[in-house]
Amino acid sequence: MSKRTFQFGSVSMEYELHFSDRKSLGITVTPAMDVIVTAPAGTDIQKIETKLIKRAPWIIRSISYFLSFHPKTPERKYISGETHLYLGRQYLLKVILGQEESVKLIGKHLVVTANKPDNAKNLLENWYYKQAKSKLHEIALPLVEKFKKYNVAPTSIELRSMPKRWGSCTAKGKIILNPELIKAPKGSIEYVITHELCHLVHHDHTQKFFDLQSKEMKDWEKWKNRLEKLLF
């Protein structure tokens, strides 16, 4: 067994190579998102990687499928001293009892004033949603403008809770964003939006799709990794 990499457009992908007495070459993507290639003994590496490049769109879809089922950030508590994310930064939650309920970002603290402690969760979740509604559209606007040179634009940008996806693009050109993105760094949010805008030009994950994504956001892999490490 050896670990190798192959190039698909601008994407570098790692795989494990096993040789056996089987007669045909097999490619498997495991739930742990490892790409495993089992090839007949003596198969030329160039032949193996030609097959991998041909199957790359399927490999990417399979990895995305398994990634969608990975657990997100462990359940957070809504008590003073717990940390919560906002735009990629950790903030300490401070819950104060008071008549006028509110959520405020003060320095390194998210200060929640609630009539009773049990209200803190709903207050903070509503605050997150309001921030997402404002900030995600604000971040999207200049990116939408950039893509007008390709004669495309989303019919609308909407928020929707999606337990398995960060964003999606419908056949009619509507871009849907997960409001949980408000917890990610701005660069990661831009990556998700850019990814969906690229689907307005190229509907499938072809080499042309990834070439366009890299052209419009050269460091997209960095921000994709940040998103996955931070919120998964």
Protein backbone atom coordinates (compact mmCIF):
# COMPACT_ATOMS: atom_id res chain seq x y z
CA MET A 1 0.00 0.00 0.00
CA SER A 2 1.28 3.47 -0.88
CA LYS A 3 -0.17 6.96 -0.73
CA ARG A 4 -0.04 9.01 -3.91
CA THR A 5 -1.68 12.13 -5.35
CA PHE A 6 -3.12 12.96 -8.76
CA GLN A 7 -4.16 16.28 -10.26
CA PHE A 8 -7.67 17.04 -11.51
CA GLY A 9 -7.64 20.54 -12.94
CA SER A 10 -6.56 22.77 -10.04
CA VAL A 11 -7.43 20.15 -7.40
CA SER A 12 -4.81 17.85 -5.88
CA MET A 13 -6.32 14.60 -4.58
CA GLU A 14 -4.71 11.94 -2.41
CA TYR A 15 -5.36 8.22 -2.81
CA GLU A 16 -4.17 4.90 -1.37
CA LEU A 17 -2.90 2.43 -3.95
CA HIS A 18 -3.10 -1.34 -3.41
CA PHE A 19 -1.99 -3.98 -5.88
CA SER A 20 -3.67 -7.39 -5.90
CA ASP A 21 -4.35 -10.40 -8.10
CA ARG A 22 -7.70 -8.96 -9.23
CA LYS A 23 -8.26 -8.53 -12.98
CA SER A 24 -9.76 -5.04 -13.05
CA LEU A 25 -9.06 -1.68 -11.41
CA GLY A 26 -11.41 -0.62 -8.62
CA ILE A 27 -11.91 2.78 -6.98
CA THR A 28 -13.62 3.14 -3.60
CA VAL A 29 -14.42 6.20 -1.46
CA THR A 30 -14.83 5.26 2.20
CA PRO A 31 -17.10 6.99 4.74
CA ALA A 32 -13.86 8.42 6.20
CA MET A 33 -13.43 10.09 2.78
CA ASP A 34 -10.32 8.08 1.86
CA VAL A 35 -9.91 7.26 -1.82
CA ILE A 36 -8.69 3.67 -2.21
CA VAL A 37 -7.54 2.23 -5.54
CA THR A 38 -7.06 -1.51 -5.95
CA ALA A 39 -5.28 -2.41 -9.20
CA PRO A 40 -4.01 -5.60 -10.84
CA ALA A 41 -0.35 -6.26 -10.00
CA GLY A 42 2.01 -4.49 -12.41
CA THR A 43 -0.53 -1.91 -13.65
CA ASP A 44 1.20 1.22 -14.96
CA ILE A 45 0.77 4.28 -12.69
CA GLN A 46 -0.10 6.47 -15.68
CA LYS A 47 -2.95 4.14 -16.57
CA ILE A 48 -4.21 4.25 -12.97
CA GLU A 49 -4.16 8.04 -12.82
CA THR A 50 -5.84 8.38 -16.22
CA LYS A 51 -8.71 6.32 -14.78
CA LEU A 52 -8.73 8.44 -11.61
CA ILE A 53 -8.97 11.67 -13.61
CA LYS A 54 -11.85 10.22 -15.60
CA ARG A 55 -13.63 9.25 -12.37
CA ALA A 56 -12.71 12.46 -10.47
CA PRO A 57 -16.19 14.08 -10.67
CA TRP A 58 -17.70 10.92 -9.11
CA ILE A 59 -14.93 10.86 -6.44
CA ILE A 60 -15.63 14.51 -5.54
CA ARG A 61 -19.38 13.88 -5.31
CA SER A 62 -18.78 10.85 -3.07
CA ILE A 63 -16.47 12.77 -0.75
CA SER A 64 -19.01 15.60 -0.53
CA TYR A 65 -21.73 13.08 0.26
CA PHE A 66 -19.83 11.53 3.17
CA LEU A 67 -18.64 14.94 4.39
CA SER A 68 -22.25 16.06 4.68
CA PHE A 69 -22.85 13.41 7.34
CA HIS A 70 -19.90 14.35 9.51
CA PRO A 71 -20.98 15.83 12.83
CA LYS A 72 -20.87 19.59 13.20
CA THR A 73 -19.59 21.53 16.18
CA PRO A 74 -20.51 19.74 19.43
CA GLU A 75 -23.71 21.06 21.00
CA ARG A 76 -22.94 24.32 22.76
CA LYS A 77 -24.28 25.22 26.17
CA TYR A 78 -26.08 28.52 26.67
CA ILE A 79 -24.49 29.46 29.97
CA SER A 80 -21.92 32.05 30.98
CA GLY A 81 -18.37 30.96 30.15
CA GLU A 82 -19.27 28.81 27.12
CA THR A 83 -17.64 29.80 23.81
CA HIS A 84 -19.66 30.54 20.67
CA LEU A 85 -18.49 31.34 17.14
CA TYR A 86 -19.26 34.45 15.12
CA LEU A 87 -17.53 35.16 11.77
CA GLY A 88 -14.81 32.66 12.63
CA ARG A 89 -13.95 34.03 16.06
CA GLN A 90 -14.63 32.54 19.48
CA TYR A 91 -16.60 34.68 21.91
CA LEU A 92 -17.37 34.02 25.56
CA LEU A 93 -21.06 33.90 26.34
CA LYS A 94 -22.23 36.07 29.23
CA VAL A 95 -25.83 35.56 30.34
CA ILE A 96 -27.38 38.32 32.45
CA LEU A 97 -30.86 38.28 33.94
CA GLY A 98 -32.88 41.39 33.08
CA GLN A 99 -36.29 42.60 31.94
CA GLU A 100 -35.22 44.03 28.55
CA GLU A 101 -34.03 41.01 26.58
CA SER A 102 -31.20 41.56 24.09
CA VAL A 103 -28.01 40.17 22.54
CA LYS A 104 -24.95 42.38 22.16
CA LEU A 105 -21.41 41.80 20.98
CA ILE A 106 -19.16 43.58 23.47
CA GLY A 107 -15.41 43.08 23.10
CA LYS A 108 -14.70 39.36 23.43
CA HIS A 109 -18.13 38.62 24.87
CA LEU A 110 -21.57 37.79 23.53
CA VAL A 111 -23.75 39.36 26.18
CA VAL A 112 -27.27 37.93 26.40
CA THR A 113 -29.78 39.63 28.66
CA ALA A 114 -32.74 37.32 29.35
CA ASN A 115 -35.79 37.28 31.60
CA LYS A 116 -34.82 33.77 32.62
CA PRO A 117 -31.78 31.55 31.81
CA ASP A 118 -33.85 29.21 29.61
CA ASN A 119 -34.45 32.07 27.14
CA ALA A 120 -30.75 32.49 26.32
CA LYS A 121 -30.71 29.82 23.61
CA ASN A 122 -33.65 31.23 21.62
CA LEU A 123 -32.38 34.78 21.98
CA LEU A 124 -28.93 33.87 20.68
CA GLU A 125 -30.26 31.72 17.82
CA ASN A 126 -32.56 34.55 16.70
CA TRP A 127 -29.64 36.97 16.87
CA TYR A 128 -27.50 34.66 14.73
CA TYR A 129 -30.25 34.43 12.11
CA LYS A 130 -30.66 38.22 11.93
CA GLN A 131 -26.90 38.64 11.57
CA ALA A 132 -26.83 35.99 8.83
CA LYS A 133 -29.65 37.69 6.93
CA SER A 134 -27.72 40.94 6.89
CA LYS A 135 -24.06 39.87 6.66
CA LEU A 136 -24.33 37.00 4.17
CA HIS A 137 -26.12 39.22 1.65
CA GLU A 138 -23.57 41.96 2.27
CA ILE A 139 -20.69 39.54 1.56
CA ALA A 140 -22.47 38.12 -1.50
CA LEU A 141 -23.12 41.43 -3.31
CA PRO A 142 -19.58 42.14 -4.61
CA LEU A 143 -19.17 38.49 -5.63
CA VAL A 144 -22.43 38.57 -7.60
CA GLU A 145 -21.16 41.73 -9.34
CA LYS A 146 -17.92 39.94 -10.29
CA PHE A 147 -19.82 37.11 -11.95
CA LYS A 148 -21.85 39.42 -14.17
CA LYS A 149 -18.94 39.31 -16.63
CA TYR A 150 -20.04 35.69 -17.33
CA ASN A 151 -23.58 36.93 -18.03
CA VAL A 152 -24.98 35.16 -14.98
CA ALA A 153 -26.63 36.30 -11.76
CA PRO A 154 -28.67 34.45 -9.13
CA THR A 155 -32.42 34.94 -9.35
CA SER A 156 -32.34 35.35 -5.56
CA ILE A 157 -30.25 34.57 -2.49
CA GLU A 158 -32.12 32.97 0.37
CA LEU A 159 -31.33 31.51 3.78
CA ARG A 160 -32.47 28.03 4.73
CA SER A 161 -31.39 25.66 7.49
CA MET A 162 -29.76 22.69 5.78
CA PRO A 163 -28.34 20.01 8.09
CA LYS A 164 -26.24 18.48 5.29
CA ARG A 165 -25.12 21.42 3.12
CA TRP A 166 -23.58 24.88 3.40
CA GLY A 167 -25.12 26.11 0.17
CA SER A 168 -26.91 25.05 -2.97
CA CYS A 169 -27.87 26.40 -6.37
CA THR A 170 -31.22 25.43 -7.91
CA ALA A 171 -31.84 24.73 -11.58
CA LYS A 172 -33.61 28.11 -11.79
CA GLY A 173 -30.57 29.99 -10.48
CA LYS A 174 -31.61 30.54 -6.87
CA ILE A 175 -28.72 30.40 -4.39
CA ILE A 176 -29.57 29.04 -0.95
CA LEU A 177 -27.20 29.61 1.98
CA ASN A 178 -27.14 27.91 5.35
CA PRO A 179 -27.50 30.58 8.08
CA GLU A 180 -24.96 28.61 10.16
CA LEU A 181 -22.33 30.11 7.83
CA ILE A 182 -22.45 33.27 9.98
CA LYS A 183 -20.25 31.35 12.43
CA ALA A 184 -17.53 30.85 9.79
CA PRO A 185 -14.73 33.25 8.76
CA LYS A 186 -15.55 35.71 5.98
CA GLY A 187 -13.18 33.89 3.59
CA SER A 188 -15.06 30.63 4.10
CA ILE A 189 -18.38 32.37 3.47
CA GLU A 190 -16.94 33.85 0.26
CA TYR A 191 -15.80 30.36 -0.76
CA VAL A 192 -19.32 28.89 -0.39
CA ILE A 193 -20.90 31.78 -2.29
CA THR A 194 -18.25 31.63 -5.04
CA HIS A 195 -18.78 27.87 -5.32
CA GLU A 196 -22.52 28.34 -5.87
CA LEU A 197 -21.98 31.22 -8.32
CA CYS A 198 -19.68 28.96 -10.35
CA HIS A 199 -22.62 26.55 -10.67
CA LEU A 200 -24.49 29.25 -12.58
CA VAL A 201 -21.78 28.92 -15.24
CA HIS A 202 -20.97 25.19 -14.97
CA HIS A 203 -23.68 23.05 -13.41
CA ASP A 204 -21.53 20.00 -12.62
CA HIS A 205 -18.19 19.53 -10.86
CA THR A 206 -16.20 19.30 -14.07
CA GLN A 207 -12.62 20.43 -14.60
CA LYS A 208 -13.97 23.66 -16.12
CA PHE A 209 -15.94 24.26 -12.92
CA PHE A 210 -12.84 23.93 -10.72
CA ASP A 211 -10.75 26.01 -13.12
CA LEU A 212 -13.33 28.81 -12.86
CA GLN A 213 -13.50 28.52 -9.08
CA SER A 214 -9.70 28.79 -8.87
CA LYS A 215 -9.69 31.74 -11.25
CA GLU A 216 -12.22 33.65 -9.14
CA MET A 217 -10.82 32.56 -5.75
CA LYS A 218 -7.24 31.34 -5.89
CA ASP A 219 -7.12 30.28 -2.24
CA TRP A 220 -10.51 28.56 -2.11
CA GLU A 221 -9.05 25.28 -0.80
CA LYS A 222 -7.61 27.10 2.24
CA TRP A 223 -11.01 28.55 3.13
CA LYS A 224 -12.83 25.29 2.43
CA ASN A 225 -10.47 23.56 4.88
CA ARG A 226 -10.96 26.30 7.46
CA LEU A 227 -14.72 25.85 7.21
CA GLU A 228 -14.54 22.09 7.64
CA LYS A 229 -12.10 22.23 10.56
CA LEU A 230 -13.93 24.99 12.38
CA LEU A 231 -17.53 23.89 12.08
CA PHE A 232 -17.20 20.10 11.83
